[in-house]
Amino acid sequence: MKPKLTRRDNAEIRRLRAAMGVEGPGRRGIGLLLGVLVASAAGALILLTMIGGGPPVIVYGAVQGFGLVETDYGSRPSAQVWVDDRAARVLINRATTCRVGDRIKLHRRRGLVGYRYRPALPGPCG
């Protein structure tokens, strides 16, 4: 049976390893610092992609059609909209009273890869 090491024994082993150059005294601190930096960078990247740049700008588009978008929580209604000389799919509320050909008021926000559109509430087509 192996003898159980005390805290003093473990401290002595760490001190001797550090003296031999096997394990540096600040190695655990460097790993922690590196982990915090990587987590912070990942969080900043996620936050940057979600928030985008600047405040939303109000733009108007034309509803061209409707459809459904599948999410983890089920199907959500969406509208195919022609806005800023391009087609965009916008998630809409189930109670929205838009029809094909209606003018729809949208919030446009710049993202990392283009623009994101959301309906301006309340009543984007009213």
N, C-alpha and C. Protein backbone atom coordinates (compact mmCIF):
# COMPACT_ATOMS: atom_id res chain seq x y z
N MET A 1 0.83 -1.17 0.00
CA MET A 1 0.00 0.00 0.00
C MET A 1 0.88 1.24 0.00
N LYS A 2 0.48 2.21 -0.81
CA LYS A 2 1.25 3.43 -0.98
C LYS A 2 1.02 4.38 0.20
N PRO A 3 2.11 4.99 0.72
CA PRO A 3 1.89 5.95 1.81
C PRO A 3 1.23 7.23 1.28
N LYS A 4 0.34 7.80 2.06
CA LYS A 4 -0.37 9.01 1.68
C LYS A 4 0.53 10.22 1.90
N LEU A 5 0.62 11.10 0.89
CA LEU A 5 1.47 12.27 0.98
C LEU A 5 0.72 13.40 1.69
N THR A 6 1.44 14.14 2.50
CA THR A 6 0.85 15.28 3.21
C THR A 6 1.00 16.52 2.34
N ARG A 7 0.38 17.60 2.78
CA ARG A 7 0.51 18.88 2.05
C ARG A 7 1.96 19.35 2.01
N ARG A 8 2.64 19.13 3.12
CA ARG A 8 4.05 19.54 3.17
C ARG A 8 4.87 18.74 2.17
N ASP A 9 4.60 17.45 2.04
CA ASP A 9 5.31 16.61 1.08
C ASP A 9 5.03 17.08 -0.35
N ASN A 10 3.77 17.37 -0.65
CA ASN A 10 3.41 17.86 -1.99
C ASN A 10 4.07 19.19 -2.31
N ALA A 11 4.13 20.09 -1.31
CA ALA A 11 4.78 21.38 -1.51
C ALA A 11 6.28 21.20 -1.78
N GLU A 12 6.88 20.27 -1.06
CA GLU A 12 8.31 20.00 -1.26
C GLU A 12 8.57 19.41 -2.65
N ILE A 13 7.69 18.53 -3.09
CA ILE A 13 7.82 17.94 -4.44
C ILE A 13 7.70 19.03 -5.50
N ARG A 14 6.71 19.95 -5.35
CA ARG A 14 6.55 21.05 -6.32
C ARG A 14 7.78 21.95 -6.33
N ARG A 15 8.34 22.24 -5.14
CA ARG A 15 9.52 23.09 -5.06
C ARG A 15 10.71 22.44 -5.74
N LEU A 16 10.89 21.14 -5.55
CA LEU A 16 12.01 20.44 -6.17
C LEU A 16 11.83 20.35 -7.69
N ARG A 17 10.59 20.13 -8.16
CA ARG A 17 10.34 20.09 -9.61
C ARG A 17 10.62 21.44 -10.24
N ALA A 18 10.22 22.50 -9.54
CA ALA A 18 10.48 23.84 -10.06
C ALA A 18 11.99 24.11 -10.11
N ALA A 19 12.72 23.64 -9.10
CA ALA A 19 14.17 23.83 -9.08
C ALA A 19 14.84 23.05 -10.20
N MET A 20 14.29 21.88 -10.54
CA MET A 20 14.87 21.08 -11.62
C MET A 20 14.46 21.61 -12.99
N GLY A 21 13.46 22.46 -13.05
CA GLY A 21 13.01 22.98 -14.33
C GLY A 21 11.95 22.13 -15.00
N VAL A 22 11.43 21.15 -14.29
CA VAL A 22 10.41 20.28 -14.85
C VAL A 22 9.09 21.03 -14.96
N GLU A 23 8.75 21.77 -13.95
CA GLU A 23 7.49 22.52 -13.92
C GLU A 23 7.78 23.89 -13.36
N GLY A 24 7.46 24.92 -14.13
CA GLY A 24 7.70 26.28 -13.67
C GLY A 24 6.73 26.66 -12.56
N PRO A 25 7.14 27.57 -11.68
CA PRO A 25 6.27 27.95 -10.56
C PRO A 25 5.01 28.69 -11.01
N GLY A 26 5.04 29.38 -12.15
CA GLY A 26 3.88 30.14 -12.59
C GLY A 26 3.10 29.46 -13.70
N ARG A 27 3.35 28.21 -13.94
CA ARG A 27 2.72 27.52 -15.06
C ARG A 27 1.21 27.45 -14.91
N ARG A 28 0.72 27.21 -13.73
CA ARG A 28 -0.71 27.13 -13.49
C ARG A 28 -1.35 28.51 -13.72
N GLY A 29 -0.68 29.56 -13.31
CA GLY A 29 -1.19 30.92 -13.51
C GLY A 29 -1.24 31.30 -14.98
N ILE A 30 -0.25 30.88 -15.75
CA ILE A 30 -0.23 31.17 -17.18
C ILE A 30 -1.36 30.44 -17.89
N GLY A 31 -1.61 29.19 -17.51
CA GLY A 31 -2.72 28.44 -18.09
C GLY A 31 -4.05 29.09 -17.79
N LEU A 32 -4.21 29.56 -16.56
CA LEU A 32 -5.45 30.24 -16.17
C LEU A 32 -5.62 31.53 -16.96
N LEU A 33 -4.55 32.30 -17.09
CA LEU A 33 -4.60 33.54 -17.85
C LEU A 33 -4.93 33.27 -19.32
N LEU A 34 -4.32 32.26 -19.89
CA LEU A 34 -4.59 31.90 -21.28
C LEU A 34 -6.05 31.46 -21.45
N GLY A 35 -6.57 30.69 -20.52
CA GLY A 35 -7.96 30.26 -20.58
C GLY A 35 -8.92 31.43 -20.50
N VAL A 36 -8.64 32.38 -19.61
CA VAL A 36 -9.50 33.56 -19.49
C VAL A 36 -9.45 34.40 -20.77
N LEU A 37 -8.28 34.54 -21.36
CA LEU A 37 -8.16 35.31 -22.60
C LEU A 37 -8.92 34.66 -23.75
N VAL A 38 -8.82 33.35 -23.88
CA VAL A 38 -9.53 32.64 -24.95
C VAL A 38 -11.04 32.75 -24.75
N ALA A 39 -11.51 32.59 -23.51
CA ALA A 39 -12.94 32.71 -23.22
C ALA A 39 -13.44 34.12 -23.48
N SER A 40 -12.65 35.12 -23.13
CA SER A 40 -13.04 36.51 -23.37
C SER A 40 -13.12 36.81 -24.87
N ALA A 41 -12.15 36.31 -25.62
CA ALA A 41 -12.16 36.54 -27.07
C ALA A 41 -13.37 35.87 -27.72
N ALA A 42 -13.69 34.65 -27.29
CA ALA A 42 -14.86 33.96 -27.83
C ALA A 42 -16.14 34.70 -27.47
N GLY A 43 -16.25 35.17 -26.25
CA GLY A 43 -17.43 35.94 -25.83
C GLY A 43 -17.56 37.24 -26.60
N ALA A 44 -16.45 37.93 -26.83
CA ALA A 44 -16.48 39.18 -27.59
C ALA A 44 -16.89 38.93 -29.03
N LEU A 45 -16.43 37.85 -29.62
CA LEU A 45 -16.80 37.52 -31.00
C LEU A 45 -18.29 37.22 -31.10
N ILE A 46 -18.81 36.44 -30.15
CA ILE A 46 -20.24 36.13 -30.15
C ILE A 46 -21.05 37.40 -29.95
N LEU A 47 -20.64 38.25 -29.03
CA LEU A 47 -21.35 39.49 -28.76
C LEU A 47 -21.31 40.40 -29.98
N LEU A 48 -20.18 40.47 -30.66
CA LEU A 48 -20.05 41.31 -31.84
C LEU A 48 -20.95 40.84 -32.98
N THR A 49 -21.06 39.53 -33.17
CA THR A 49 -21.92 39.02 -34.24
C THR A 49 -23.39 39.20 -33.90
N MET A 50 -23.75 39.14 -32.63
CA MET A 50 -25.15 39.29 -32.26
C MET A 50 -25.58 40.75 -32.29
N ILE A 51 -24.75 41.62 -31.79
CA ILE A 51 -25.12 43.03 -31.69
C ILE A 51 -24.93 43.75 -33.01
N GLY A 52 -23.86 43.47 -33.71
CA GLY A 52 -23.60 44.19 -34.95
C GLY A 52 -23.09 45.58 -34.66
N GLY A 53 -23.17 46.43 -35.66
CA GLY A 53 -22.64 47.77 -35.49
C GLY A 53 -23.70 48.84 -35.61
N GLY A 54 -23.71 49.74 -34.68
CA GLY A 54 -24.56 50.91 -34.75
C GLY A 54 -26.03 50.65 -34.43
N PRO A 55 -26.77 51.74 -34.35
CA PRO A 55 -28.20 51.64 -34.07
C PRO A 55 -28.97 51.17 -35.30
N PRO A 56 -30.18 50.64 -35.11
CA PRO A 56 -30.96 50.22 -36.27
C PRO A 56 -31.44 51.42 -37.08
N VAL A 57 -31.53 51.23 -38.40
CA VAL A 57 -32.01 52.26 -39.32
C VAL A 57 -33.35 51.79 -39.87
N ILE A 58 -34.31 52.68 -39.96
CA ILE A 58 -35.62 52.31 -40.49
C ILE A 58 -35.59 52.36 -42.01
N VAL A 59 -35.99 51.24 -42.64
CA VAL A 59 -36.09 51.14 -44.09
C VAL A 59 -37.44 50.53 -44.43
N TYR A 60 -37.84 50.67 -45.68
CA TYR A 60 -39.11 50.12 -46.13
C TYR A 60 -38.85 49.13 -47.26
N GLY A 61 -39.64 48.08 -47.28
CA GLY A 61 -39.54 47.07 -48.32
C GLY A 61 -40.93 46.67 -48.78
N ALA A 62 -40.97 45.74 -49.73
CA ALA A 62 -42.24 45.24 -50.26
C ALA A 62 -42.32 43.74 -49.99
N VAL A 63 -43.46 43.31 -49.44
CA VAL A 63 -43.68 41.89 -49.15
C VAL A 63 -43.90 41.16 -50.46
N GLN A 64 -43.13 40.10 -50.68
CA GLN A 64 -43.25 39.32 -51.91
C GLN A 64 -43.84 37.94 -51.69
N GLY A 65 -43.83 37.46 -50.45
CA GLY A 65 -44.39 36.15 -50.17
C GLY A 65 -44.22 35.80 -48.72
N PHE A 66 -44.77 34.64 -48.35
CA PHE A 66 -44.71 34.19 -46.97
C PHE A 66 -44.21 32.75 -46.91
N GLY A 67 -43.74 32.35 -45.76
CA GLY A 67 -43.28 30.99 -45.57
C GLY A 67 -43.11 30.69 -44.10
N LEU A 68 -42.49 29.57 -43.83
CA LEU A 68 -42.22 29.15 -42.45
C LEU A 68 -40.73 28.89 -42.30
N VAL A 69 -40.21 29.22 -41.14
CA VAL A 69 -38.82 28.93 -40.79
C VAL A 69 -38.85 28.00 -39.60
N GLU A 70 -38.14 26.89 -39.70
CA GLU A 70 -38.11 25.91 -38.61
C GLU A 70 -37.07 26.33 -37.57
N THR A 71 -37.48 26.35 -36.31
CA THR A 71 -36.59 26.66 -35.20
C THR A 71 -36.65 25.51 -34.20
N ASP A 72 -35.90 25.63 -33.12
CA ASP A 72 -35.94 24.61 -32.06
C ASP A 72 -37.29 24.57 -31.36
N TYR A 73 -38.04 25.65 -31.45
CA TYR A 73 -39.32 25.75 -30.77
C TYR A 73 -40.50 25.54 -31.70
N GLY A 74 -40.26 25.13 -32.92
CA GLY A 74 -41.34 24.90 -33.88
C GLY A 74 -41.23 25.83 -35.08
N SER A 75 -42.30 25.89 -35.85
CA SER A 75 -42.31 26.71 -37.06
C SER A 75 -42.65 28.15 -36.72
N ARG A 76 -41.93 29.10 -37.35
CA ARG A 76 -42.20 30.52 -37.19
C ARG A 76 -42.55 31.11 -38.55
N PRO A 77 -43.57 31.95 -38.63
CA PRO A 77 -43.90 32.57 -39.91
C PRO A 77 -42.84 33.58 -40.32
N SER A 78 -42.62 33.66 -41.62
CA SER A 78 -41.65 34.61 -42.15
C SER A 78 -42.20 35.24 -43.42
N ALA A 79 -41.65 36.38 -43.75
CA ALA A 79 -42.04 37.08 -44.97
C ALA A 79 -40.83 37.22 -45.87
N GLN A 80 -41.01 36.98 -47.14
CA GLN A 80 -39.97 37.24 -48.14
C GLN A 80 -40.16 38.70 -48.55
N VAL A 81 -39.15 39.52 -48.34
CA VAL A 81 -39.27 40.96 -48.54
C VAL A 81 -38.20 41.42 -49.52
N TRP A 82 -38.59 42.33 -50.42
CA TRP A 82 -37.64 42.98 -51.32
C TRP A 82 -37.29 44.32 -50.69
N VAL A 83 -36.03 44.46 -50.26
CA VAL A 83 -35.58 45.67 -49.57
C VAL A 83 -34.14 45.95 -49.97
N ASP A 84 -33.83 47.21 -50.19
CA ASP A 84 -32.46 47.63 -50.56
C ASP A 84 -31.95 46.86 -51.77
N ASP A 85 -32.78 46.67 -52.78
CA ASP A 85 -32.42 45.98 -54.03
C ASP A 85 -31.95 44.55 -53.81
N ARG A 86 -32.50 43.88 -52.82
CA ARG A 86 -32.20 42.46 -52.58
C ARG A 86 -33.37 41.82 -51.84
N ALA A 87 -33.42 40.51 -51.90
CA ALA A 87 -34.46 39.76 -51.19
C ALA A 87 -33.95 39.40 -49.80
N ALA A 88 -34.83 39.50 -48.83
CA ALA A 88 -34.47 39.15 -47.45
C ALA A 88 -35.63 38.40 -46.82
N ARG A 89 -35.33 37.46 -45.94
CA ARG A 89 -36.36 36.75 -45.19
C ARG A 89 -36.42 37.35 -43.80
N VAL A 90 -37.63 37.73 -43.38
CA VAL A 90 -37.83 38.41 -42.11
C VAL A 90 -38.81 37.60 -41.28
N LEU A 91 -38.44 37.27 -40.04
CA LEU A 91 -39.37 36.60 -39.14
C LEU A 91 -40.43 37.61 -38.70
N ILE A 92 -41.70 37.20 -38.79
CA ILE A 92 -42.79 38.11 -38.43
C ILE A 92 -43.63 37.47 -37.33
N ASN A 93 -44.45 38.29 -36.71
CA ASN A 93 -45.35 37.83 -35.66
C ASN A 93 -46.52 37.10 -36.30
N ARG A 94 -47.08 36.15 -35.58
CA ARG A 94 -48.22 35.40 -36.11
C ARG A 94 -49.44 36.29 -36.33
N ALA A 95 -49.54 37.38 -35.59
CA ALA A 95 -50.70 38.26 -35.70
C ALA A 95 -50.49 39.38 -36.73
N THR A 96 -49.38 39.40 -37.43
CA THR A 96 -49.12 40.44 -38.42
C THR A 96 -50.11 40.31 -39.57
N THR A 97 -50.65 41.44 -40.00
CA THR A 97 -51.68 41.44 -41.05
C THR A 97 -51.12 41.91 -42.39
N CYS A 98 -49.94 41.48 -42.74
CA CYS A 98 -49.35 41.85 -44.02
C CYS A 98 -49.94 41.00 -45.14
N ARG A 99 -49.96 41.56 -46.34
CA ARG A 99 -50.36 40.82 -47.53
C ARG A 99 -49.28 41.01 -48.60
N VAL A 100 -49.28 40.14 -49.57
CA VAL A 100 -48.31 40.24 -50.66
C VAL A 100 -48.52 41.58 -51.36
N GLY A 101 -47.44 42.32 -51.57
CA GLY A 101 -47.49 43.63 -52.20
C GLY A 101 -47.52 44.78 -51.22
N ASP A 102 -47.78 44.51 -49.93
CA ASP A 102 -47.81 45.58 -48.92
C ASP A 102 -46.41 46.14 -48.69
N ARG A 103 -46.39 47.39 -48.27
CA ARG A 103 -45.16 48.03 -47.84
C ARG A 103 -44.94 47.66 -46.38
N ILE A 104 -43.70 47.24 -46.05
CA ILE A 104 -43.39 46.81 -44.68
C ILE A 104 -42.25 47.66 -44.14
N LYS A 105 -42.42 48.09 -42.90
CA LYS A 105 -41.42 48.92 -42.22
C LYS A 105 -40.47 47.99 -41.46
N LEU A 106 -39.17 48.13 -41.69
CA LEU A 106 -38.16 47.24 -41.10
C LEU A 106 -37.08 48.03 -40.39
N HIS A 107 -36.44 47.37 -39.42
CA HIS A 107 -35.22 47.89 -38.81
C HIS A 107 -34.05 47.17 -39.45
N ARG A 108 -33.12 47.92 -40.01
CA ARG A 108 -31.92 47.33 -40.62
C ARG A 108 -30.74 47.60 -39.70
N ARG A 109 -29.99 46.55 -39.43
CA ARG A 109 -28.80 46.68 -38.59
C ARG A 109 -27.64 45.99 -39.28
N ARG A 110 -26.50 46.64 -39.28
CA ARG A 110 -25.31 46.07 -39.91
C ARG A 110 -24.75 44.96 -39.03
N GLY A 111 -24.42 43.84 -39.66
CA GLY A 111 -23.77 42.73 -38.98
C GLY A 111 -22.37 42.55 -39.54
N LEU A 112 -21.70 41.49 -39.16
CA LEU A 112 -20.36 41.24 -39.68
C LEU A 112 -20.38 40.89 -41.16
N VAL A 113 -21.43 40.21 -41.61
CA VAL A 113 -21.52 39.79 -43.01
C VAL A 113 -22.81 40.32 -43.63
N GLY A 114 -22.94 41.61 -43.74
CA GLY A 114 -24.12 42.19 -44.38
C GLY A 114 -25.07 42.79 -43.36
N TYR A 115 -26.35 42.85 -43.76
CA TYR A 115 -27.37 43.45 -42.93
C TYR A 115 -28.33 42.42 -42.39
N ARG A 116 -28.94 42.75 -41.24
CA ARG A 116 -30.03 41.95 -40.67
C ARG A 116 -31.26 42.82 -40.61
N TYR A 117 -32.40 42.23 -40.89
CA TYR A 117 -33.66 42.96 -40.91
C TYR A 117 -34.62 42.37 -39.89
N ARG A 118 -35.35 43.26 -39.21
CA ARG A 118 -36.41 42.85 -38.30
C ARG A 118 -37.59 43.78 -38.52
N PRO A 119 -38.80 43.26 -38.33
CA PRO A 119 -39.96 44.14 -38.52
C PRO A 119 -40.01 45.22 -37.45
N ALA A 120 -40.37 46.42 -37.84
CA ALA A 120 -40.56 47.50 -36.89
C ALA A 120 -41.92 47.31 -36.23
N LEU A 121 -41.93 47.29 -34.92
CA LEU A 121 -43.18 47.02 -34.20
C LEU A 121 -43.71 48.31 -33.60
N PRO A 122 -44.97 48.44 -33.35
CA PRO A 122 -46.09 47.56 -33.67
C PRO A 122 -46.59 47.80 -35.09
N GLY A 123 -47.18 46.82 -35.67
CA GLY A 123 -47.81 46.93 -36.99
C GLY A 123 -46.88 47.34 -38.11
N PRO A 124 -45.96 46.45 -38.54
CA PRO A 124 -45.03 46.83 -39.59
C PRO A 124 -45.70 47.12 -40.94
N CYS A 125 -46.88 46.56 -41.16
CA CYS A 125 -47.54 46.76 -42.45
C CYS A 125 -48.71 47.74 -42.33
N GLY A 126 -48.92 48.35 -41.20
CA GLY A 126 -50.10 49.18 -41.00
C GLY A 126 -49.94 50.60 -41.28
